[in-house]
N, C-alpha and C. Protein backbone atom coordinates (compact mmCIF):
# COMPACT_ATOMS: atom_id res chain seq x y z
N MET A 1 0.85 -1.19 0.00
CA MET A 1 0.00 0.00 0.00
C MET A 1 0.88 1.24 0.00
N SER A 2 0.58 2.20 -0.87
CA SER A 2 1.38 3.41 -0.93
C SER A 2 1.07 4.32 0.25
N GLU A 3 2.07 5.09 0.67
CA GLU A 3 1.88 6.01 1.77
C GLU A 3 1.04 7.20 1.33
N GLN A 4 0.19 7.66 2.23
CA GLN A 4 -0.64 8.81 1.97
C GLN A 4 0.10 10.07 2.38
N PRO A 5 -0.07 11.16 1.62
CA PRO A 5 0.56 12.41 2.03
C PRO A 5 0.09 12.82 3.42
N GLN A 6 1.01 13.32 4.24
CA GLN A 6 0.65 13.77 5.56
C GLN A 6 -0.05 15.12 5.48
N GLN A 7 -1.09 15.24 6.29
CA GLN A 7 -1.82 16.50 6.35
C GLN A 7 -1.05 17.47 7.23
N ARG A 8 -0.92 18.70 6.75
CA ARG A 8 -0.30 19.74 7.55
C ARG A 8 -1.40 20.52 8.24
N GLY A 9 -1.24 20.72 9.51
CA GLY A 9 -2.25 21.45 10.27
C GLY A 9 -2.12 22.94 10.09
N ASP A 10 -3.07 23.68 10.68
CA ASP A 10 -3.06 25.13 10.60
C ASP A 10 -2.44 25.77 11.83
N GLY A 11 -2.07 24.94 12.80
CA GLY A 11 -1.53 25.49 14.04
C GLY A 11 -0.15 24.94 14.32
N GLY A 12 0.08 24.65 15.62
CA GLY A 12 1.37 24.08 16.01
C GLY A 12 2.50 25.05 15.78
N SER A 13 3.60 24.56 15.17
CA SER A 13 4.79 25.38 14.97
C SER A 13 4.75 26.17 13.66
N GLU A 14 3.71 26.03 12.88
CA GLU A 14 3.65 26.75 11.63
C GLU A 14 3.47 28.25 11.86
N HIS A 15 4.14 29.02 11.03
CA HIS A 15 4.02 30.48 11.12
C HIS A 15 2.63 30.92 10.68
N ARG A 16 2.08 31.91 11.37
CA ARG A 16 0.80 32.48 10.99
C ARG A 16 1.05 33.74 10.17
N TYR A 17 0.61 33.72 8.94
CA TYR A 17 0.81 34.86 8.04
C TYR A 17 -0.33 35.85 8.26
N GLU A 18 -0.05 36.91 8.98
CA GLU A 18 -1.07 37.89 9.31
C GLU A 18 -0.96 39.10 8.39
N VAL A 19 -2.11 39.58 7.95
CA VAL A 19 -2.15 40.76 7.08
C VAL A 19 -2.11 42.01 7.96
N ARG A 20 -1.07 42.81 7.76
CA ARG A 20 -0.92 44.04 8.52
C ARG A 20 -1.59 45.23 7.85
N SER A 21 -1.61 45.23 6.53
CA SER A 21 -2.26 46.32 5.81
C SER A 21 -2.70 45.83 4.45
N ARG A 22 -3.67 46.52 3.87
CA ARG A 22 -4.20 46.15 2.55
C ARG A 22 -4.51 47.41 1.76
N THR A 23 -4.01 47.46 0.53
CA THR A 23 -4.26 48.59 -0.35
C THR A 23 -4.93 48.10 -1.62
N GLU A 24 -6.10 48.63 -1.92
CA GLU A 24 -6.81 48.23 -3.12
C GLU A 24 -6.26 48.99 -4.32
N ARG A 25 -5.89 48.26 -5.37
CA ARG A 25 -5.36 48.87 -6.59
C ARG A 25 -6.40 48.97 -7.69
N TYR A 26 -7.32 48.00 -7.75
CA TYR A 26 -8.34 47.97 -8.80
C TYR A 26 -9.49 47.11 -8.32
N ARG A 27 -10.70 47.53 -8.66
CA ARG A 27 -11.89 46.72 -8.35
C ARG A 27 -12.79 46.69 -9.57
N GLY A 28 -13.14 45.48 -10.03
CA GLY A 28 -14.02 45.30 -11.16
C GLY A 28 -15.08 44.26 -10.83
N PRO A 29 -15.94 43.93 -11.78
CA PRO A 29 -17.02 42.98 -11.51
C PRO A 29 -16.56 41.54 -11.32
N ILE A 30 -15.38 41.20 -11.83
CA ILE A 30 -14.90 39.82 -11.77
C ILE A 30 -13.79 39.63 -10.73
N PHE A 31 -12.90 40.61 -10.64
CA PHE A 31 -11.79 40.48 -9.69
C PHE A 31 -11.37 41.85 -9.19
N GLU A 32 -10.62 41.82 -8.09
CA GLU A 32 -9.98 43.03 -7.58
C GLU A 32 -8.50 42.74 -7.37
N VAL A 33 -7.69 43.78 -7.49
CA VAL A 33 -6.25 43.67 -7.30
C VAL A 33 -5.89 44.45 -6.04
N VAL A 34 -5.18 43.78 -5.11
CA VAL A 34 -4.80 44.42 -3.86
C VAL A 34 -3.33 44.14 -3.57
N THR A 35 -2.76 45.00 -2.76
CA THR A 35 -1.43 44.77 -2.21
C THR A 35 -1.57 44.58 -0.71
N GLU A 36 -1.05 43.48 -0.18
CA GLU A 36 -1.13 43.21 1.24
C GLU A 36 0.28 43.13 1.84
N GLU A 37 0.42 43.68 3.04
CA GLU A 37 1.65 43.55 3.81
C GLU A 37 1.44 42.40 4.79
N VAL A 38 2.28 41.37 4.70
CA VAL A 38 2.06 40.12 5.43
C VAL A 38 3.27 39.81 6.30
N THR A 39 3.01 39.36 7.53
CA THR A 39 4.11 38.98 8.41
C THR A 39 4.80 37.72 7.88
N MET A 40 6.14 37.71 7.97
CA MET A 40 6.94 36.62 7.44
C MET A 40 7.66 35.86 8.55
N PRO A 41 7.98 34.57 8.33
CA PRO A 41 8.74 33.81 9.33
C PRO A 41 10.07 34.49 9.62
N GLY A 42 10.48 34.48 10.89
CA GLY A 42 11.76 35.06 11.27
C GLY A 42 11.70 36.55 11.51
N GLY A 43 10.52 37.14 11.43
CA GLY A 43 10.37 38.56 11.65
C GLY A 43 10.28 39.32 10.35
N GLY A 44 9.74 40.52 10.45
CA GLY A 44 9.60 41.35 9.27
C GLY A 44 8.33 41.05 8.52
N THR A 45 8.11 41.82 7.45
CA THR A 45 6.93 41.66 6.62
C THR A 45 7.32 41.67 5.16
N GLY A 46 6.41 41.20 4.31
CA GLY A 46 6.59 41.24 2.87
C GLY A 46 5.33 41.76 2.21
N ARG A 47 5.51 42.42 1.08
CA ARG A 47 4.36 42.95 0.33
C ARG A 47 4.03 41.98 -0.80
N ARG A 48 2.76 41.65 -0.93
CA ARG A 48 2.31 40.71 -1.94
C ARG A 48 1.14 41.30 -2.72
N ASP A 49 1.29 41.33 -4.04
CA ASP A 49 0.19 41.73 -4.90
C ASP A 49 -0.65 40.50 -5.23
N LEU A 50 -1.96 40.61 -5.13
CA LEU A 50 -2.80 39.45 -5.41
C LEU A 50 -4.11 39.86 -6.05
N VAL A 51 -4.68 38.91 -6.77
CA VAL A 51 -5.95 39.08 -7.44
C VAL A 51 -7.00 38.27 -6.69
N ARG A 52 -8.01 38.97 -6.19
CA ARG A 52 -9.13 38.28 -5.53
C ARG A 52 -10.22 38.08 -6.57
N HIS A 53 -10.61 36.81 -6.76
CA HIS A 53 -11.46 36.42 -7.89
C HIS A 53 -12.76 35.82 -7.39
N VAL A 54 -13.82 35.97 -8.18
CA VAL A 54 -15.14 35.47 -7.77
C VAL A 54 -15.23 33.95 -7.81
N GLY A 55 -14.34 33.28 -8.55
CA GLY A 55 -14.39 31.83 -8.68
C GLY A 55 -15.08 31.39 -9.95
N ALA A 56 -14.98 30.10 -10.24
CA ALA A 56 -15.52 29.59 -11.50
C ALA A 56 -15.88 28.12 -11.37
N VAL A 57 -16.61 27.64 -12.36
CA VAL A 57 -16.93 26.22 -12.49
C VAL A 57 -16.58 25.79 -13.91
N ALA A 58 -16.34 24.50 -14.05
CA ALA A 58 -16.11 23.90 -15.37
C ALA A 58 -16.77 22.53 -15.38
N VAL A 59 -17.04 22.02 -16.58
CA VAL A 59 -17.81 20.78 -16.71
C VAL A 59 -17.17 19.85 -17.72
N VAL A 60 -16.84 18.63 -17.28
CA VAL A 60 -16.52 17.55 -18.21
C VAL A 60 -17.83 16.86 -18.53
N ALA A 61 -18.34 17.07 -19.73
CA ALA A 61 -19.61 16.46 -20.16
C ALA A 61 -19.27 15.18 -20.91
N LEU A 62 -19.61 14.05 -20.31
CA LEU A 62 -19.25 12.73 -20.84
C LEU A 62 -20.51 12.03 -21.34
N ASP A 63 -20.54 11.68 -22.63
CA ASP A 63 -21.74 11.05 -23.18
C ASP A 63 -21.66 9.53 -23.09
N ASP A 64 -22.71 8.86 -23.54
CA ASP A 64 -22.79 7.41 -23.41
C ASP A 64 -21.78 6.68 -24.30
N ALA A 65 -21.23 7.38 -25.29
CA ALA A 65 -20.24 6.78 -26.18
C ALA A 65 -18.81 6.98 -25.67
N GLY A 66 -18.68 7.59 -24.49
CA GLY A 66 -17.35 7.82 -23.94
C GLY A 66 -16.65 9.03 -24.50
N GLN A 67 -17.41 9.93 -25.12
CA GLN A 67 -16.85 11.16 -25.66
C GLN A 67 -17.11 12.32 -24.71
N VAL A 68 -16.19 13.29 -24.74
CA VAL A 68 -16.33 14.49 -23.92
C VAL A 68 -16.50 15.70 -24.83
N VAL A 69 -17.14 16.72 -24.29
CA VAL A 69 -17.38 17.95 -25.03
C VAL A 69 -16.22 18.90 -24.80
N LEU A 70 -15.62 19.36 -25.88
CA LEU A 70 -14.60 20.40 -25.82
C LEU A 70 -15.08 21.61 -26.58
N ILE A 71 -14.72 22.77 -26.09
CA ILE A 71 -15.02 24.00 -26.82
C ILE A 71 -13.70 24.70 -27.16
N ARG A 72 -13.70 25.39 -28.27
CA ARG A 72 -12.52 26.16 -28.68
C ARG A 72 -12.91 27.63 -28.66
N GLN A 73 -12.22 28.39 -27.81
CA GLN A 73 -12.61 29.76 -27.55
C GLN A 73 -11.39 30.68 -27.58
N TYR A 74 -11.59 31.89 -28.10
CA TYR A 74 -10.52 32.89 -28.13
C TYR A 74 -10.31 33.47 -26.74
N ARG A 75 -9.03 33.54 -26.32
CA ARG A 75 -8.68 34.12 -25.03
C ARG A 75 -7.71 35.28 -25.28
N HIS A 76 -8.21 36.48 -25.05
CA HIS A 76 -7.43 37.66 -25.44
C HIS A 76 -6.11 37.81 -24.68
N PRO A 77 -6.03 37.51 -23.37
CA PRO A 77 -4.74 37.65 -22.69
C PRO A 77 -3.63 36.81 -23.34
N ILE A 78 -4.01 35.69 -23.94
CA ILE A 78 -3.04 34.82 -24.59
C ILE A 78 -2.94 35.13 -26.08
N GLY A 79 -4.00 35.69 -26.62
CA GLY A 79 -3.99 36.08 -28.02
C GLY A 79 -4.24 34.95 -29.00
N ARG A 80 -4.91 33.89 -28.54
CA ARG A 80 -5.21 32.79 -29.45
C ARG A 80 -6.37 31.98 -28.89
N HIS A 81 -6.84 31.03 -29.70
CA HIS A 81 -7.91 30.13 -29.28
C HIS A 81 -7.33 28.99 -28.44
N LEU A 82 -8.10 28.56 -27.45
CA LEU A 82 -7.71 27.42 -26.61
C LEU A 82 -8.83 26.38 -26.61
N TRP A 83 -8.43 25.11 -26.50
CA TRP A 83 -9.39 24.04 -26.23
C TRP A 83 -9.69 24.07 -24.74
N GLU A 84 -10.97 24.08 -24.41
CA GLU A 84 -11.39 24.19 -23.02
C GLU A 84 -12.61 23.31 -22.76
N LEU A 85 -13.05 23.31 -21.51
CA LEU A 85 -14.31 22.72 -21.11
C LEU A 85 -15.37 23.82 -21.06
N PRO A 86 -16.65 23.46 -21.19
CA PRO A 86 -17.68 24.44 -20.86
C PRO A 86 -17.44 24.95 -19.44
N ALA A 87 -17.39 26.26 -19.27
CA ALA A 87 -16.99 26.81 -17.98
C ALA A 87 -17.45 28.25 -17.88
N GLY A 88 -17.45 28.77 -16.66
CA GLY A 88 -17.81 30.16 -16.47
C GLY A 88 -17.69 30.58 -15.03
N LEU A 89 -17.97 31.85 -14.79
CA LEU A 89 -17.82 32.46 -13.47
C LEU A 89 -18.96 32.10 -12.54
N THR A 90 -18.66 32.10 -11.24
CA THR A 90 -19.70 31.95 -10.23
C THR A 90 -20.08 33.35 -9.74
N ASP A 91 -20.67 34.10 -10.65
CA ASP A 91 -20.95 35.51 -10.38
C ASP A 91 -22.44 35.82 -10.33
N VAL A 92 -23.28 34.80 -10.26
CA VAL A 92 -24.72 35.02 -10.16
C VAL A 92 -25.13 34.90 -8.70
N SER A 93 -25.65 35.94 -8.14
CA SER A 93 -26.02 35.97 -6.73
C SER A 93 -27.03 34.87 -6.39
N GLY A 94 -26.71 34.09 -5.34
CA GLY A 94 -27.62 33.05 -4.87
C GLY A 94 -27.56 31.74 -5.64
N GLU A 95 -26.74 31.67 -6.67
CA GLU A 95 -26.66 30.45 -7.48
C GLU A 95 -25.62 29.51 -6.89
N ASP A 96 -26.01 28.25 -6.63
CA ASP A 96 -25.02 27.33 -6.09
C ASP A 96 -24.15 26.77 -7.22
N LEU A 97 -23.08 26.08 -6.86
CA LEU A 97 -22.09 25.66 -7.85
C LEU A 97 -22.66 24.66 -8.86
N PRO A 98 -23.42 23.63 -8.45
CA PRO A 98 -23.99 22.73 -9.46
C PRO A 98 -24.90 23.46 -10.44
N ALA A 99 -25.69 24.40 -9.95
CA ALA A 99 -26.57 25.16 -10.85
C ALA A 99 -25.75 26.01 -11.82
N ALA A 100 -24.65 26.59 -11.33
CA ALA A 100 -23.79 27.37 -12.21
C ALA A 100 -23.19 26.48 -13.30
N ALA A 101 -22.78 25.28 -12.92
CA ALA A 101 -22.19 24.35 -13.89
C ALA A 101 -23.22 23.95 -14.95
N LEU A 102 -24.43 23.66 -14.53
CA LEU A 102 -25.48 23.28 -15.48
C LEU A 102 -25.84 24.45 -16.39
N ARG A 103 -25.81 25.66 -15.84
CA ARG A 103 -26.09 26.85 -16.66
C ARG A 103 -25.03 27.02 -17.74
N GLU A 104 -23.77 26.88 -17.36
CA GLU A 104 -22.69 27.02 -18.34
C GLU A 104 -22.74 25.92 -19.40
N LEU A 105 -23.08 24.71 -18.98
CA LEU A 105 -23.19 23.60 -19.93
C LEU A 105 -24.27 23.90 -20.97
N ALA A 106 -25.39 24.44 -20.52
CA ALA A 106 -26.47 24.79 -21.44
C ALA A 106 -26.08 25.95 -22.34
N GLU A 107 -25.45 26.97 -21.77
CA GLU A 107 -25.13 28.17 -22.54
C GLU A 107 -24.03 27.93 -23.57
N GLU A 108 -23.03 27.13 -23.22
CA GLU A 108 -21.87 26.98 -24.10
C GLU A 108 -21.91 25.72 -24.96
N ALA A 109 -22.65 24.70 -24.53
CA ALA A 109 -22.67 23.45 -25.28
C ALA A 109 -24.07 23.01 -25.68
N ASP A 110 -25.10 23.77 -25.31
CA ASP A 110 -26.49 23.44 -25.66
C ASP A 110 -26.87 22.07 -25.14
N LEU A 111 -26.45 21.77 -23.91
CA LEU A 111 -26.71 20.46 -23.32
C LEU A 111 -27.30 20.59 -21.92
N THR A 112 -28.11 19.61 -21.56
CA THR A 112 -28.55 19.42 -20.18
C THR A 112 -27.93 18.14 -19.65
N SER A 113 -27.98 17.98 -18.35
CA SER A 113 -27.40 16.79 -17.72
C SER A 113 -28.35 16.24 -16.67
N GLY A 114 -28.53 14.93 -16.69
CA GLY A 114 -29.37 14.28 -15.69
C GLY A 114 -28.60 13.82 -14.47
N ARG A 115 -27.26 13.91 -14.52
CA ARG A 115 -26.45 13.50 -13.37
C ARG A 115 -25.17 14.31 -13.35
N ILE A 116 -24.90 14.93 -12.20
CA ILE A 116 -23.71 15.76 -12.07
C ILE A 116 -23.02 15.45 -10.74
N ASP A 117 -21.70 15.29 -10.80
CA ASP A 117 -20.90 14.99 -9.62
C ASP A 117 -19.64 15.85 -9.65
N VAL A 118 -18.97 15.92 -8.50
CA VAL A 118 -17.73 16.69 -8.43
C VAL A 118 -16.56 15.81 -8.86
N LEU A 119 -15.74 16.34 -9.76
CA LEU A 119 -14.52 15.66 -10.18
C LEU A 119 -13.31 16.11 -9.39
N VAL A 120 -13.06 17.43 -9.39
CA VAL A 120 -11.83 17.94 -8.79
C VAL A 120 -11.99 19.44 -8.54
N ASP A 121 -11.26 19.94 -7.54
CA ASP A 121 -11.18 21.37 -7.26
C ASP A 121 -9.74 21.81 -7.49
N LEU A 122 -9.55 23.01 -8.01
CA LEU A 122 -8.19 23.48 -8.21
C LEU A 122 -8.07 24.97 -7.98
N HIS A 123 -6.93 25.38 -7.40
CA HIS A 123 -6.53 26.77 -7.38
C HIS A 123 -5.76 27.01 -8.67
N SER A 124 -6.28 27.89 -9.50
CA SER A 124 -5.77 28.02 -10.87
C SER A 124 -4.34 28.53 -10.92
N SER A 125 -3.99 29.47 -10.05
CA SER A 125 -2.62 30.01 -10.03
C SER A 125 -2.38 30.65 -8.68
N PRO A 126 -2.12 29.85 -7.63
CA PRO A 126 -2.10 30.35 -6.26
C PRO A 126 -0.93 31.28 -5.94
N GLY A 127 0.00 31.44 -6.89
CA GLY A 127 1.08 32.39 -6.66
C GLY A 127 0.61 33.83 -6.68
N PHE A 128 -0.56 34.10 -7.32
CA PHE A 128 -1.01 35.49 -7.36
C PHE A 128 -2.52 35.66 -7.25
N THR A 129 -3.30 34.58 -7.27
CA THR A 129 -4.74 34.74 -7.19
C THR A 129 -5.37 33.67 -6.30
N ASN A 130 -6.49 34.04 -5.66
CA ASN A 130 -7.23 33.07 -4.85
C ASN A 130 -8.32 32.37 -5.65
N GLU A 131 -8.31 32.52 -6.97
CA GLU A 131 -9.33 31.87 -7.80
C GLU A 131 -9.36 30.37 -7.56
N ILE A 132 -10.54 29.86 -7.33
CA ILE A 132 -10.73 28.41 -7.21
C ILE A 132 -11.79 27.98 -8.21
N VAL A 133 -11.53 26.84 -8.85
CA VAL A 133 -12.43 26.32 -9.87
C VAL A 133 -12.88 24.93 -9.44
N ARG A 134 -14.18 24.72 -9.41
CA ARG A 134 -14.72 23.37 -9.18
C ARG A 134 -15.09 22.78 -10.52
N VAL A 135 -14.55 21.58 -10.80
CA VAL A 135 -14.82 20.90 -12.06
C VAL A 135 -15.78 19.75 -11.79
N PHE A 136 -16.88 19.75 -12.52
CA PHE A 136 -17.91 18.73 -12.37
C PHE A 136 -17.84 17.73 -13.52
N LEU A 137 -18.37 16.54 -13.27
CA LEU A 137 -18.60 15.55 -14.31
C LEU A 137 -20.10 15.50 -14.56
N ALA A 138 -20.50 15.75 -15.80
CA ALA A 138 -21.91 15.70 -16.19
C ALA A 138 -22.14 14.50 -17.08
N ARG A 139 -23.17 13.72 -16.75
CA ARG A 139 -23.54 12.55 -17.56
C ARG A 139 -25.05 12.60 -17.84
N ASP A 140 -25.54 11.57 -18.52
CA ASP A 140 -26.95 11.55 -18.93
C ASP A 140 -27.30 12.83 -19.68
N LEU A 141 -26.57 13.07 -20.76
CA LEU A 141 -26.68 14.32 -21.50
C LEU A 141 -27.87 14.31 -22.45
N ALA A 142 -28.43 15.49 -22.68
CA ALA A 142 -29.49 15.66 -23.67
C ALA A 142 -29.37 17.06 -24.26
N ASP A 143 -29.87 17.23 -25.47
CA ASP A 143 -29.80 18.53 -26.13
C ASP A 143 -30.82 19.50 -25.57
N VAL A 144 -30.41 20.76 -25.44
CA VAL A 144 -31.36 21.83 -25.14
C VAL A 144 -32.20 22.04 -26.40
N PRO A 145 -33.52 22.10 -26.28
CA PRO A 145 -34.37 22.34 -27.47
C PRO A 145 -33.92 23.59 -28.22
N ALA A 146 -34.00 23.55 -29.54
CA ALA A 146 -33.47 24.62 -30.38
C ALA A 146 -34.03 25.99 -30.00
N GLY A 147 -35.30 26.07 -29.67
CA GLY A 147 -35.92 27.35 -29.36
C GLY A 147 -35.56 27.90 -28.00
N GLU A 148 -34.88 27.10 -27.18
CA GLU A 148 -34.53 27.52 -25.82
C GLU A 148 -33.04 27.76 -25.65
N ARG A 149 -32.28 27.72 -26.72
CA ARG A 149 -30.83 27.82 -26.60
C ARG A 149 -30.37 29.26 -26.35
N HIS A 150 -29.28 29.36 -25.63
CA HIS A 150 -28.69 30.64 -25.26
C HIS A 150 -28.09 31.33 -26.48
N GLU A 151 -28.33 32.64 -26.61
CA GLU A 151 -27.74 33.41 -27.69
C GLU A 151 -26.35 33.88 -27.24
N ARG A 152 -25.32 33.46 -27.94
CA ARG A 152 -23.95 33.75 -27.52
C ARG A 152 -23.48 35.08 -28.10
N HIS A 153 -22.71 35.81 -27.30
CA HIS A 153 -22.21 37.12 -27.70
C HIS A 153 -20.70 37.18 -27.52
N ASP A 154 -20.09 38.22 -28.09
CA ASP A 154 -18.66 38.49 -27.95
C ASP A 154 -17.85 37.25 -28.32
N GLU A 155 -16.84 36.88 -27.50
CA GLU A 155 -16.01 35.73 -27.84
C GLU A 155 -16.82 34.44 -27.95
N GLU A 156 -17.92 34.35 -27.16
CA GLU A 156 -18.72 33.13 -27.19
C GLU A 156 -19.42 32.92 -28.53
N ALA A 157 -19.62 34.00 -29.30
CA ALA A 157 -20.24 33.87 -30.61
C ALA A 157 -19.36 33.10 -31.58
N ASP A 158 -18.08 32.98 -31.23
CA ASP A 158 -17.08 32.31 -32.07
C ASP A 158 -16.77 30.89 -31.58
N LEU A 159 -17.51 30.42 -30.60
CA LEU A 159 -17.23 29.11 -30.02
C LEU A 159 -17.35 27.99 -31.05
N GLN A 160 -16.40 27.06 -30.99
CA GLN A 160 -16.52 25.78 -31.69
C GLN A 160 -16.77 24.70 -30.64
N VAL A 161 -17.75 23.87 -30.87
CA VAL A 161 -18.10 22.81 -29.92
C VAL A 161 -17.92 21.47 -30.62
N VAL A 162 -17.09 20.60 -30.04
CA VAL A 162 -16.83 19.29 -30.63
C VAL A 162 -16.91 18.23 -29.54
N ARG A 163 -17.03 16.98 -29.98
CA ARG A 163 -16.94 15.85 -29.05
C ARG A 163 -15.79 14.96 -29.50
N VAL A 164 -14.97 14.58 -28.53
CA VAL A 164 -13.85 13.67 -28.81
C VAL A 164 -13.84 12.58 -27.75
N ASP A 165 -13.26 11.45 -28.11
CA ASP A 165 -13.12 10.37 -27.14
C ASP A 165 -12.31 10.85 -25.95
N LEU A 166 -12.68 10.42 -24.76
CA LEU A 166 -11.98 10.86 -23.55
C LEU A 166 -10.50 10.55 -23.62
N ASP A 167 -10.13 9.37 -24.12
CA ASP A 167 -8.72 9.04 -24.21
C ASP A 167 -7.99 9.95 -25.20
N GLU A 168 -8.68 10.34 -26.28
CA GLU A 168 -8.07 11.28 -27.23
C GLU A 168 -7.86 12.64 -26.56
N ALA A 169 -8.82 13.07 -25.74
CA ALA A 169 -8.67 14.33 -25.03
C ALA A 169 -7.49 14.28 -24.07
N VAL A 170 -7.31 13.15 -23.39
CA VAL A 170 -6.15 12.99 -22.51
C VAL A 170 -4.86 13.07 -23.32
N ASP A 171 -4.84 12.43 -24.49
CA ASP A 171 -3.66 12.52 -25.36
C ASP A 171 -3.38 13.97 -25.75
N MET A 172 -4.44 14.76 -25.99
CA MET A 172 -4.26 16.17 -26.31
C MET A 172 -3.64 16.93 -25.15
N VAL A 173 -4.04 16.58 -23.93
CA VAL A 173 -3.43 17.19 -22.74
C VAL A 173 -1.94 16.87 -22.69
N LEU A 174 -1.60 15.61 -22.84
CA LEU A 174 -0.21 15.18 -22.71
C LEU A 174 0.65 15.69 -23.85
N ALA A 175 0.03 15.99 -25.00
CA ALA A 175 0.77 16.52 -26.14
C ALA A 175 0.89 18.05 -26.09
N GLY A 176 0.32 18.67 -25.06
CA GLY A 176 0.38 20.12 -24.96
C GLY A 176 -0.63 20.84 -25.82
N GLU A 177 -1.61 20.14 -26.37
CA GLU A 177 -2.62 20.77 -27.20
C GLU A 177 -3.75 21.37 -26.37
N ILE A 178 -3.93 20.86 -25.15
CA ILE A 178 -4.87 21.43 -24.20
C ILE A 178 -4.06 21.93 -23.02
N THR A 179 -4.12 23.26 -22.77
CA THR A 179 -3.31 23.84 -21.70
C THR A 179 -4.15 24.59 -20.67
N ASN A 180 -5.42 24.81 -20.93
CA ASN A 180 -6.29 25.44 -19.96
C ASN A 180 -6.30 24.61 -18.68
N ALA A 181 -6.05 25.25 -17.54
CA ALA A 181 -5.82 24.52 -16.28
C ALA A 181 -7.00 23.64 -15.88
N SER A 182 -8.22 24.19 -15.92
CA SER A 182 -9.37 23.39 -15.51
C SER A 182 -9.64 22.26 -16.48
N ALA A 183 -9.36 22.46 -17.77
CA ALA A 183 -9.52 21.39 -18.74
C ALA A 183 -8.51 20.27 -18.51
N VAL A 184 -7.26 20.64 -18.27
CA VAL A 184 -6.22 19.63 -17.99
C VAL A 184 -6.62 18.81 -16.77
N ALA A 185 -6.95 19.49 -15.67
CA ALA A 185 -7.29 18.79 -14.43
C ALA A 185 -8.55 17.96 -14.60
N GLY A 186 -9.57 18.54 -15.23
CA GLY A 186 -10.84 17.84 -15.35
C GLY A 186 -10.76 16.61 -16.23
N LEU A 187 -10.08 16.70 -17.34
CA LEU A 187 -9.98 15.56 -18.25
C LEU A 187 -9.17 14.43 -17.64
N LEU A 188 -8.06 14.76 -16.98
CA LEU A 188 -7.27 13.71 -16.33
C LEU A 188 -8.05 13.07 -15.19
N ALA A 189 -8.78 13.89 -14.44
CA ALA A 189 -9.60 13.35 -13.35
C ALA A 189 -10.73 12.48 -13.89
N ALA A 190 -11.32 12.89 -15.01
CA ALA A 190 -12.40 12.10 -15.60
C ALA A 190 -11.90 10.75 -16.07
N ALA A 191 -10.71 10.73 -16.67
CA ALA A 191 -10.15 9.46 -17.13
C ALA A 191 -9.85 8.55 -15.95
N ARG A 192 -9.29 9.12 -14.90
CA ARG A 192 -9.03 8.34 -13.68
C ARG A 192 -10.33 7.83 -13.08
N GLY A 193 -11.34 8.71 -13.04
CA GLY A 193 -12.63 8.30 -12.50
C GLY A 193 -13.26 7.17 -13.30
N ARG A 194 -13.22 7.29 -14.62
CA ARG A 194 -13.77 6.23 -15.46
C ARG A 194 -13.06 4.90 -15.21
N ASP A 195 -11.73 4.95 -15.10
CA ASP A 195 -10.95 3.72 -14.95
C ASP A 195 -11.15 3.06 -13.59
N THR A 196 -11.68 3.81 -12.62
CA THR A 196 -11.95 3.26 -11.29
C THR A 196 -13.45 3.14 -11.03
N GLY A 197 -14.24 3.16 -12.10
CA GLY A 197 -15.68 3.01 -11.96
C GLY A 197 -16.37 4.18 -11.30
N PHE A 198 -15.75 5.35 -11.33
CA PHE A 198 -16.31 6.56 -10.73
C PHE A 198 -16.60 6.40 -9.25
N ALA A 199 -15.84 5.54 -8.59
CA ALA A 199 -16.11 5.23 -7.19
C ALA A 199 -15.78 6.40 -6.25
N ALA A 200 -14.85 7.26 -6.63
CA ALA A 200 -14.39 8.32 -5.72
C ALA A 200 -15.05 9.66 -5.95
N LEU A 201 -16.05 9.72 -6.82
CA LEU A 201 -16.68 11.01 -7.09
C LEU A 201 -17.39 11.54 -5.85
N ARG A 202 -17.30 12.85 -5.66
CA ARG A 202 -18.02 13.50 -4.58
C ARG A 202 -19.38 13.97 -5.07
N ARG A 203 -20.31 14.08 -4.15
CA ARG A 203 -21.66 14.55 -4.50
C ARG A 203 -21.59 15.99 -4.97
N ALA A 204 -22.56 16.38 -5.77
CA ALA A 204 -22.54 17.70 -6.39
C ALA A 204 -22.51 18.83 -5.37
N GLN A 205 -23.11 18.61 -4.20
CA GLN A 205 -23.18 19.65 -3.17
C GLN A 205 -22.05 19.55 -2.14
N ALA A 206 -21.02 18.77 -2.43
CA ALA A 206 -19.92 18.63 -1.48
C ALA A 206 -19.33 19.99 -1.15
N PRO A 207 -18.96 20.24 0.12
CA PRO A 207 -18.42 21.55 0.50
C PRO A 207 -17.14 21.86 -0.28
N LEU A 208 -16.95 23.13 -0.58
CA LEU A 208 -15.77 23.60 -1.28
C LEU A 208 -14.87 24.31 -0.28
N ARG A 209 -13.63 23.84 -0.19
CA ARG A 209 -12.66 24.48 0.70
C ARG A 209 -11.97 25.60 -0.04
N ARG A 210 -12.26 26.81 0.31
CA ARG A 210 -11.71 27.97 -0.39
C ARG A 210 -10.35 28.38 0.16
């Protein structure tokens, strides 16, 4: 039996990083940029710039044929199109994470799901942002009726939606063709879940540790 990673506690001899001051640099609808002065081990403080983000969800939509839904979307910070999962912000007041995931699946892939579970949670880039993404697995897929489909705007109007075999999607990850963080994590987790009979999936409402 392999050894399990040891859990590190929040107390004991560990240093407590306390925020001494906070300066807001920018505030927008999706994120804010702040500079915090934080106490450091051994005395003294350090200044850290960070992005506080509303969070996001992503969906690995797996059909009965073992194919997953990928979307190709333009991302302006990178200046090119990326292969991604249906995904979006958790910026709707009062909306829980499973509902947000189902909304994004309908809006970006024109699909509904009869079963949704948690695959994996990830901090997208913890060196500078607190953004956390919950990736769900959606199964029992069905098409949204044509008259009820979401009208896409801006970059979403250019979306390409395809289905590929899950193993092919994993190969795309390993070949560097898929680099979006939530897509990489979600597809690898989905393949692992499939290979273990989905025994370790968490329920859709499982608590999220932020």
